[in-house]
Amino acid sequence: MSSTLTAADFENLPDHRMTLAHGEQRLTLDVANEPFAITLRDTGARQSLRQGNYRYEHPVRGALDLFTVPLGPDGKGMVYEITFN
């Protein structure tokens, strides 16, 4: 079942909440489903990197290990996508 779920399956939940059952304990949790993606372009690319985890360095966030997917060239360079769930 879980492999067929999408973000849309959680959009119309009553009050945007789910109940977690753990033994006798029950927790009511708010659904915060706001995935987003960023695209990056390498304008000097002669080849693309393979899909996988890469270490990025951000001036504010520091080092980030992020799963990166090559989307292909767009006429301006090689485009990559990073999706955040």
Protein backbone atom coordinates (compact mmCIF):
# COMPACT_ATOMS: atom_id res chain seq x y z
CA MET A 1 0.00 0.00 0.00
CA SER A 2 2.67 2.53 0.98
CA SER A 3 4.37 2.27 -2.41
CA THR A 4 1.21 3.57 -4.09
CA LEU A 5 0.77 6.63 -1.86
CA THR A 6 1.42 10.12 -3.19
CA ALA A 7 1.41 13.59 -1.63
CA ALA A 8 -2.13 14.06 -3.01
CA ASP A 9 -3.37 11.23 -0.77
CA PHE A 10 -2.72 13.43 2.27
CA GLU A 11 -4.02 16.77 0.96
CA ASN A 12 -7.68 16.29 1.91
CA LEU A 13 -7.37 14.67 5.33
CA PRO A 14 -9.88 15.98 7.90
CA ASP A 15 -8.16 18.85 9.74
CA HIS A 16 -4.87 17.76 8.10
CA ARG A 17 -4.24 15.32 10.95
CA MET A 18 -3.33 11.68 11.37
CA THR A 19 -3.35 9.45 14.43
CA LEU A 20 -0.27 7.42 15.27
CA ALA A 21 -0.91 4.26 17.27
CA HIS A 22 2.04 2.89 19.24
CA GLY A 23 0.96 0.15 21.62
CA GLU A 24 -1.57 1.72 24.00
CA GLN A 25 -0.39 5.24 23.16
CA ARG A 26 -2.14 7.34 20.51
CA LEU A 27 -0.82 10.64 19.17
CA THR A 28 -2.67 13.07 16.93
CA LEU A 29 -0.17 14.61 14.52
CA ASP A 30 -0.53 17.49 12.08
CA VAL A 31 0.37 16.69 8.47
CA ALA A 32 3.01 19.10 7.20
CA ASN A 33 3.38 17.87 3.64
CA GLU A 34 5.12 20.59 1.72
CA PRO A 35 7.63 18.98 -0.63
CA PHE A 36 9.58 21.20 -2.97
CA ALA A 37 12.39 20.92 -5.47
CA ILE A 38 15.23 23.11 -6.57
CA THR A 39 16.96 22.99 -9.92
CA LEU A 40 20.62 23.74 -10.46
CA ARG A 41 22.44 24.44 -13.72
CA ASP A 42 26.09 23.88 -14.59
CA THR A 43 26.68 26.28 -17.48
CA GLY A 44 30.18 24.94 -18.12
CA ALA A 45 29.24 21.25 -18.18
CA ARG A 46 30.80 18.95 -20.72
CA GLN A 47 29.22 15.87 -19.13
CA SER A 48 26.62 15.21 -16.45
CA LEU A 49 27.12 13.80 -13.01
CA ARG A 50 25.37 10.54 -12.26
CA GLN A 51 22.30 10.38 -10.04
CA GLY A 52 23.37 10.05 -6.43
CA ASN A 53 24.35 11.74 -3.19
CA TYR A 54 26.69 14.71 -3.44
CA ARG A 55 28.14 17.07 -0.87
CA TYR A 56 27.17 20.71 -1.43
CA GLU A 57 28.60 23.68 0.40
CA HIS A 58 26.26 26.55 1.16
CA PRO A 59 27.50 29.87 2.60
CA VAL A 60 24.78 29.88 5.30
CA ARG A 61 23.70 26.23 5.71
CA GLY A 62 27.20 24.77 5.55
CA ALA A 63 27.84 21.28 4.15
CA LEU A 64 24.77 19.46 2.83
CA ASP A 65 24.65 15.88 1.54
CA LEU A 66 21.83 15.88 -1.03
CA PHE A 67 20.46 13.32 -3.48
CA THR A 68 20.80 14.84 -6.94
CA VAL A 69 19.16 13.77 -10.21
CA PRO A 70 20.44 14.92 -13.61
CA LEU A 71 17.56 16.20 -15.77
CA GLY A 72 19.68 16.76 -18.86
CA PRO A 73 20.87 19.74 -20.86
CA ASP A 74 18.51 22.66 -21.46
CA GLY A 75 20.47 24.67 -24.02
CA LYS A 76 22.16 26.73 -21.29
CA GLY A 77 23.88 23.91 -19.44
CA MET A 78 23.33 20.66 -17.57
CA VAL A 79 20.33 20.79 -15.23
CA TYR A 80 20.05 18.89 -11.96
CA GLU A 81 17.16 18.55 -9.52
CA ILE A 82 17.09 18.09 -5.74
CA THR A 83 13.72 17.23 -4.18
CA PHE A 84 12.94 17.85 -0.52
CA ASN A 85 10.10 16.00 1.21
